[in-house]
C-alpha atoms as a PDB file:
ATOM      1  CA  MET A   1     151.589  97.008 110.014  1.00  0.00           C
ATOM      2  CA  THR A   2     152.801 100.448 108.931  1.00  0.00           C
ATOM      3  CA  TYR A   3     150.615 103.522 109.343  1.00  0.00           C
ATOM      4  CA  ASN A   4     151.221 107.206 108.603  1.00  0.00           C
ATOM      5  CA  LEU A   5     149.023 109.015 111.129  1.00  0.00           C
ATOM      6  CA  HIS A   6     149.202 112.441 109.458  1.00  0.00           C
ATOM      7  CA  ASN A   7     149.506 114.057 112.888  1.00  0.00           C
ATOM      8  CA  GLY A   8     146.227 112.459 113.947  1.00  0.00           C
ATOM      9  CA  PHE A   9     143.968 114.218 111.450  1.00  0.00           C
ATOM     10  CA  ASN A  10     141.227 112.444 109.513  1.00  0.00           C
ATOM     11  CA  THR A  11     140.235 113.088 105.899  1.00  0.00           C
ATOM     12  CA  ASP A  12     137.892 115.895 107.013  1.00  0.00           C
ATOM     13  CA  GLY A  13     140.731 117.738 108.729  1.00  0.00           C
ATOM     14  CA  TYR A  14     139.727 116.922 112.297  1.00  0.00           C
ATOM     15  CA  LEU A  15     141.789 115.268 115.006  1.00  0.00           C
ATOM     16  CA  GLY A  16     140.428 111.724 115.265  1.00  0.00           C
ATOM     17  CA  MET A  17     142.493 109.513 117.532  1.00  0.00           C
ATOM     18  CA  GLU A  18     139.753 107.017 118.353  1.00  0.00           C
ATOM     19  CA  ALA A  19     139.168 106.350 114.652  1.00  0.00           C
ATOM     20  CA  LEU A  20     142.900 105.753 114.165  1.00  0.00           C
ATOM     21  CA  ALA A  21     142.913 103.321 117.072  1.00  0.00           C
ATOM     22  CA  ARG A  22     139.984 101.401 115.580  1.00  0.00           C
ATOM     23  CA  VAL A  23     141.772 101.086 112.230  1.00  0.00           C
ATOM     24  CA  ILE A  24     144.720  99.534 114.032  1.00  0.00           C
ATOM     25  CA  GLU A  25     142.477  97.222 116.062  1.00  0.00           C
ATOM     26  CA  ASP A  26     140.632  96.072 112.940  1.00  0.00           C
ATOM     27  CA  ASN A  27     143.936  94.893 111.441  1.00  0.00           C
ATOM     28  CA  HIS A  28     145.053  92.992 114.577  1.00  0.00           C
ATOM     29  CA  PRO A  29     148.784  93.769 114.199  1.00  0.00           C
ATOM     30  CA  ASP A  30     151.410  92.444 116.579  1.00  0.00           C
ATOM     31  CA  ILE A  31     153.891  95.163 115.583  1.00  0.00           C
ATOM     32  CA  ILE A  32     153.148  98.605 114.145  1.00  0.00           C
ATOM     33  CA  ALA A  33     155.444 101.231 112.657  1.00  0.00           C
ATOM     34  CA  LEU A  34     153.962 104.717 112.938  1.00  0.00           C
ATOM     35  CA  GLN A  35     154.949 107.846 111.044  1.00  0.00           C
ATOM     36  CA  GLU A  36     154.054 111.511 111.561  1.00  0.00           C
ATOM     37  CA  ILE A  37     153.213 110.948 115.202  1.00  0.00           C
ATOM     38  CA  SER A  38     153.229 114.017 117.423  1.00  0.00           C
ATOM     39  CA  ARG A  39     154.056 114.003 121.109  1.00  0.00           C
ATOM     40  CA  GLY A  40     152.944 117.559 121.719  1.00  0.00           C
ATOM     41  CA  TRP A  41     152.953 119.649 118.555  1.00  0.00           C
ATOM     42  CA  VAL A  42     150.531 122.576 118.674  1.00  0.00           C
ATOM     43  CA  VAL A  43     148.928 121.482 115.385  1.00  0.00           C
ATOM     44  CA  SER A  44     147.777 118.287 117.141  1.00  0.00           C
ATOM     45  CA  GLY A  45     146.447 120.118 120.176  1.00  0.00           C
ATOM     46  CA  ARG A  46     149.642 119.331 122.137  1.00  0.00           C
ATOM     47  CA  LEU A  47     148.390 115.765 122.481  1.00  0.00           C
ATOM     48  CA  ASP A  48     150.960 113.061 123.155  1.00  0.00           C
ATOM     49  CA  MET A  49     149.594 110.768 120.461  1.00  0.00           C
ATOM     50  CA  LEU A  50     152.052 107.981 121.189  1.00  0.00           C
ATOM     51  CA  THR A  51     151.204 107.652 124.865  1.00  0.00           C
ATOM     52  CA  TRP A  52     147.500 107.895 124.035  1.00  0.00           C
ATOM     53  CA  LEU A  53     147.673 105.083 121.458  1.00  0.00           C
ATOM     54  CA  SER A  54     149.890 102.923 123.643  1.00  0.00           C
ATOM     55  CA  GLN A  55     147.397 103.106 126.494  1.00  0.00           C
ATOM     56  CA  ARG A  56     144.353 102.755 124.243  1.00  0.00           C
ATOM     57  CA  LEU A  57     145.750  99.670 122.463  1.00  0.00           C
ATOM     58  CA  ASN A  58     147.637  98.278 125.452  1.00  0.00           C
ATOM     59  CA  MET A  59     150.820  98.067 123.383  1.00  0.00           C
ATOM     60  CA  PRO A  60     154.233  99.202 124.680  1.00  0.00           C
ATOM     61  CA  TYR A  61     156.159 101.599 122.451  1.00  0.00           C
ATOM     62  CA  VAL A  62     159.507 103.072 121.567  1.00  0.00           C
ATOM     63  CA  SER A  63     159.737 106.585 120.186  1.00  0.00           C
ATOM     64  CA  GLY A  64     161.873 107.686 117.246  1.00  0.00           C
ATOM     65  CA  PRO A  65     161.884 111.497 117.070  1.00  0.00           C
ATOM     66  CA  THR A  66     163.231 112.969 113.845  1.00  0.00           C
ATOM     67  CA  ALA A  67     162.258 116.559 113.017  1.00  0.00           C
ATOM     68  CA  ASP A  68     162.432 117.511 116.692  1.00  0.00           C
ATOM     69  CA  PRO A  69     161.993 115.741 120.057  1.00  0.00           C
ATOM     70  CA  LEU A  70     158.185 115.802 119.691  1.00  0.00           C
ATOM     71  CA  TRP A  71     157.646 114.466 116.161  1.00  0.00           C
ATOM     72  CA  GLY A  72     158.689 111.500 114.082  1.00  0.00           C
ATOM     73  CA  ASN A  73     158.400 107.718 114.060  1.00  0.00           C
ATOM     74  CA  ALA A  74     157.445 105.088 116.618  1.00  0.00           C
ATOM     75  CA  ILE A  75     157.064 101.342 117.062  1.00  0.00           C
ATOM     76  CA  LEU A  76     154.282  99.664 119.035  1.00  0.00           C
ATOM     77  CA  SER A  77     154.577  95.965 119.844  1.00  0.00           C
ATOM     78  CA  ARG A  78     152.571  93.293 121.621  1.00  0.00           C
ATOM     79  CA  TYR A  79     155.874  91.500 122.193  1.00  0.00           C
ATOM     80  CA  PRO A  80     158.572  92.817 124.549  1.00  0.00           C
ATOM     81  CA  ILE A  81     160.963  95.315 122.982  1.00  0.00           C
ATOM     82  CA  VAL A  82     164.327  94.432 124.480  1.00  0.00           C
ATOM     83  CA  GLU A  83     166.572  96.879 122.633  1.00  0.00           C
ATOM     84  CA  TYR A  84     166.192  99.939 120.425  1.00  0.00           C
ATOM     85  CA  ASN A  85     168.136 102.821 118.912  1.00  0.00           C
ATOM     86  CA  ASN A  86     167.377 105.857 116.766  1.00  0.00           C
ATOM     87  CA  TYR A  87     169.452 106.969 113.789  1.00  0.00           C
ATOM     88  CA  ASP A  88     169.513 109.901 111.380  1.00  0.00           C
ATOM     89  CA  LEU A  89     168.922 109.734 107.645  1.00  0.00           C
ATOM     90  CA  PRO A  90     170.647 112.132 105.238  1.00  0.00           C
ATOM     91  CA  PRO A  91     170.627 114.952 104.484  1.00  0.00           C
ATOM     92  CA  ARG A  92     170.489 116.683 107.854  1.00  0.00           C
ATOM     93  CA  ASP A  93     169.490 120.091 106.465  1.00  0.00           C
ATOM     94  CA  LEU A  94     165.952 119.068 105.445  1.00  0.00           C
ATOM     95  CA  PHE A  95     163.118 121.134 106.887  1.00  0.00           C
ATOM     96  CA  LEU A  96     161.543 117.881 108.132  1.00  0.00           C
ATOM     97  CA  ARG A  97     164.544 115.787 109.079  1.00  0.00           C
ATOM     98  CA  ARG A  98     164.208 112.023 108.648  1.00  0.00           C
ATOM     99  CA  GLY A  99     165.459 109.028 110.567  1.00  0.00           C
ATOM    100  CA  PHE A 100     164.819 105.416 111.450  1.00  0.00           C
ATOM    101  CA  THR A 101     164.289 103.385 114.595  1.00  0.00           C
ATOM    102  CA  SER A 102     165.692  99.895 115.015  1.00  0.00           C
ATOM    103  CA  ALA A 103     164.194  97.639 117.683  1.00  0.00           C
ATOM    104  CA  VAL A 104     164.750  94.039 118.726  1.00  0.00           C
ATOM    105  CA  VAL A 105     161.504  92.295 119.650  1.00  0.00           C
ATOM    106  CA  ASP A 106     161.505  89.160 121.808  1.00  0.00           C
ATOM    107  CA  LEU A 107     159.098  86.670 120.201  1.00  0.00           C
ATOM    108  CA  GLY A 108     159.626  84.058 122.893  1.00  0.00           C
ATOM    109  CA  GLY A 109     161.170  80.627 122.682  1.00  0.00           C
ATOM    110  CA  GLY A 110     164.582  82.102 122.030  1.00  0.00           C
ATOM    111  CA  ASN A 111     163.384  83.847 118.850  1.00  0.00           C
ATOM    112  CA  SER A 112     163.726  87.542 118.114  1.00  0.00           C
ATOM    113  CA  LEU A 113     162.884  89.930 115.285  1.00  0.00           C
ATOM    114  CA  GLN A 114     164.729  93.059 114.211  1.00  0.00           C
ATOM    115  CA  VAL A 115     162.271  95.817 113.291  1.00  0.00           C
ATOM    116  CA  ILE A 116     163.461  98.856 111.328  1.00  0.00           C
ATOM    117  CA  ALA A 117     160.835 101.602 111.080  1.00  0.00           C
ATOM    118  CA  THR A 118     161.386 104.649 108.902  1.00  0.00           C
ATOM    119  CA  HIS A 119     159.839 107.490 106.916  1.00  0.00           C
ATOM    120  CA  PHE A 120     161.650 108.728 103.813  1.00  0.00           C
ATOM    121  CA  HIS A 121     161.685 112.275 102.432  1.00  0.00           C
ATOM    122  CA  HIS A 122     158.245 113.242 101.192  1.00  0.00           C
ATOM    123  CA  VAL A 123     158.671 115.547  98.182  1.00  0.00           C
ATOM    124  CA  GLY A 124     157.712 113.427  95.172  1.00  0.00           C
ATOM    125  CA  GLU A 125     160.226 114.813  92.694  1.00  0.00           C
ATOM    126  CA  ASP A 126     163.141 114.508  95.137  1.00  0.00           C
ATOM    127  CA  SER A 127     164.070 110.933  94.283  1.00  0.00           C
ATOM    128  CA  ALA A 128     167.747 111.878  94.573  1.00  0.00           C
ATOM    129  CA  ILE A 129     167.301 112.537  98.287  1.00  0.00           C
ATOM    130  CA  ARG A 130     165.580 109.202  98.867  1.00  0.00           C
ATOM    131  CA  GLN A 131     168.391 107.553  96.916  1.00  0.00           C
ATOM    132  CA  LEU A 132     170.679 108.820  99.691  1.00  0.00           C
ATOM    133  CA  GLN A 133     168.389 107.342 102.331  1.00  0.00           C
ATOM    134  CA  SER A 134     167.869 103.819 100.961  1.00  0.00           C
ATOM    135  CA  PRO A 135     171.584 102.846 101.142  1.00  0.00           C
ATOM    136  CA  VAL A 136     171.720 103.894 104.805  1.00  0.00           C
ATOM    137  CA  ILE A 137     168.927 101.431 105.580  1.00  0.00           C
ATOM    138  CA  VAL A 138     170.614  98.726 103.487  1.00  0.00           C
ATOM    139  CA  ASP A 139     173.977  99.241 105.193  1.00  0.00           C
ATOM    140  CA  PHE A 140     172.397  99.126 108.627  1.00  0.00           C
ATOM    141  CA  TRP A 141     170.486  95.931 107.794  1.00  0.00           C
ATOM    142  CA  ASP A 142     173.660  94.321 106.391  1.00  0.00           C
ATOM    143  CA  GLY A 143     171.897  91.091 105.460  1.00  0.00           C
ATOM    144  CA  ALA A 144     170.753  90.213 108.984  1.00  0.00           C
ATOM    145  CA  ALA A 145     168.197  87.407 109.234  1.00  0.00           C
ATOM    146  CA  CYS A 146     164.786  87.823 110.874  1.00  0.00           C
ATOM    147  CA  THR A 147     164.431  91.490 109.899  1.00  0.00           C
ATOM    148  CA  VAL A 148     161.411  93.597 108.945  1.00  0.00           C
ATOM    149  CA  ILE A 149     161.845  97.050 107.384  1.00  0.00           C
ATOM    150  CA  LEU A 150     158.648  99.044 107.160  1.00  0.00           C
ATOM    151  CA  GLY A 151     157.305 102.534 106.779  1.00  0.00           C
ATOM    152  CA  ASP A 152     156.158 105.300 104.484  1.00  0.00           C
ATOM    153  CA  LEU A 153     158.956 105.430 101.920  1.00  0.00           C
ATOM    154  CA  ASN A 154     157.326 108.043  99.667  1.00  0.00           C
ATOM    155  CA  ALA A 155     158.375 106.208  96.497  1.00  0.00           C
ATOM    156  CA  GLU A 156     156.596 103.937  94.047  1.00  0.00           C
ATOM    157  CA  PRO A 157     157.658 100.307  93.508  1.00  0.00           C
ATOM    158  CA  ASP A 158     159.566 100.946  90.269  1.00  0.00           C
ATOM    159  CA  ASP A 159     161.450 103.975  91.557  1.00  0.00           C
ATOM    160  CA  PRO A 160     165.237 103.571  91.883  1.00  0.00           C
ATOM    161  CA  GLU A 161     165.213 104.047  95.652  1.00  0.00           C
ATOM    162  CA  MET A 162     162.967 100.970  95.970  1.00  0.00           C
ATOM    163  CA  GLU A 163     165.025  99.007  93.466  1.00  0.00           C
ATOM    164  CA  MET A 164     168.017  99.527  95.776  1.00  0.00           C
ATOM    165  CA  LEU A 165     166.190  97.543  98.464  1.00  0.00           C
ATOM    166  CA  ARG A 166     165.084  94.857  96.043  1.00  0.00           C
ATOM    167  CA  GLN A 167     168.568  94.368  94.592  1.00  0.00           C
ATOM    168  CA  VAL A 168     170.063  93.400  97.959  1.00  0.00           C
ATOM    169  CA  GLY A 169     167.519  90.626  98.454  1.00  0.00           C
ATOM    170  CA  LEU A 170     164.867  92.300 100.582  1.00  0.00           C
ATOM    171  CA  VAL A 171     161.373  91.013  99.831  1.00  0.00           C
ATOM    172  CA  ASP A 172     158.444  93.352  99.208  1.00  0.00           C
ATOM    173  CA  THR A 173     155.703  91.530 101.112  1.00  0.00           C
ATOM    174  CA  LEU A 174     152.726  93.212  99.479  1.00  0.00           C
ATOM    175  CA  ALA A 175     154.068  92.457  96.010  1.00  0.00           C
ATOM    176  CA  GLU A 176     154.433  88.822  97.065  1.00  0.00           C
ATOM    177  CA  MET A 177     150.848  88.600  98.310  1.00  0.00           C
ATOM    178  CA  GLU A 178     148.860  90.790  95.918  1.00  0.00           C
ATOM    179  CA  PRO A 179     149.142  91.243  92.141  1.00  0.00           C
ATOM    180  CA  PRO A 180     149.932  94.839  91.193  1.00  0.00           C
ATOM    181  CA  PRO A 181     148.695  97.459  91.148  1.00  0.00           C
ATOM    182  CA  VAL A 182     147.996  97.825  94.876  1.00  0.00           C
ATOM    183  CA  TYR A 183     147.670 101.339  96.269  1.00  0.00           C
ATOM    184  CA  THR A 184     148.224 102.748  99.773  1.00  0.00           C
ATOM    185  CA  PHE A 185     147.811 106.491  99.148  1.00  0.00           C
ATOM    186  CA  HIS A 186     145.767 108.751  99.150  1.00  0.00           C
ATOM    187  CA  SER A 187     143.214 107.648 101.750  1.00  0.00           C
ATOM    188  CA  VAL A 188     140.330 109.457 100.009  1.00  0.00           C
ATOM    189  CA  ASN A 189     141.194 108.395  96.465  1.00  0.00           C
ATOM    190  CA  LEU A 190     143.764 105.605  96.252  1.00  0.00           C
ATOM    191  CA  TYR A 191     146.054 106.041  93.268  1.00  0.00           C
ATOM    192  CA  GLN A 192     149.629 105.422  94.432  1.00  0.00           C
ATOM    193  CA  ARG A 193     151.683 103.006  96.498  1.00  0.00           C
ATOM    194  CA  ILE A 194     154.294 104.534  98.797  1.00  0.00           C
ATOM    195  CA  ASP A 195     154.073 102.367 101.952  1.00  0.00           C
ATOM    196  CA  TYR A 196     156.011  99.120 102.381  1.00  0.00           C
ATOM    197  CA  ILE A 197     156.800  96.152 104.555  1.00  0.00           C
ATOM    198  CA  TRP A 198     160.087  94.577 103.432  1.00  0.00           C
ATOM    199  CA  VAL A 199     161.475  91.427 105.026  1.00  0.00           C
ATOM    200  CA  SER A 200     164.780  89.602 104.940  1.00  0.00           C
ATOM    201  CA  PRO A 201     164.705  86.670 102.484  1.00  0.00           C
ATOM    202  CA  ASP A 202     164.738  84.042 105.247  1.00  0.00           C
ATOM    203  CA  LEU A 203     161.261  85.080 106.420  1.00  0.00           C
ATOM    204  CA  LYS A 204     158.198  83.458 104.877  1.00  0.00           C
ATOM    205  CA  VAL A 205     155.536  85.798 103.505  1.00  0.00           C
ATOM    206  CA  CYS A 206     152.037  84.483 104.136  1.00  0.00           C
END
């Protein structure tokens, strides 16, 4: 599951952590990539959203700060996270800097899954910036089996930055499961798809 938390605010502009937790529970995910999660920003009442959700859902986490040490991405997992690292995405002079977190999850029985969670640049007309970010993800993945790449990529399926992922063999899971169009944004009035779960071609989509 991938979920942009919008700093914890609901569609009415109020901080609503319990409602966010219930959305996650209703979907029964084993692994979640979170974006726009604050660990103490004033705008979110200085709440450590990640610790709160981890305790509420009983799911261990790894944090992937990007814009500053208190804001960015995260991964929650019901399976043990045995390794993780955080990396920058270009360019580094963005007002809201971007990055990605890579984690190795132990599925048991000698099986593991590489999870890459990210959040691309958000300004719609700045496709050129996202076209700098997609190749970094592709190069890091480097064709590895048993990999999931997920997050808010702020691009539509036919945009060139998404085609870069498709051309190297990554599989768009939602496109495999649902006939287009399928929308993930905006939560009040769905009209656009910008959120994705990509998998390496060895993984079965079901």
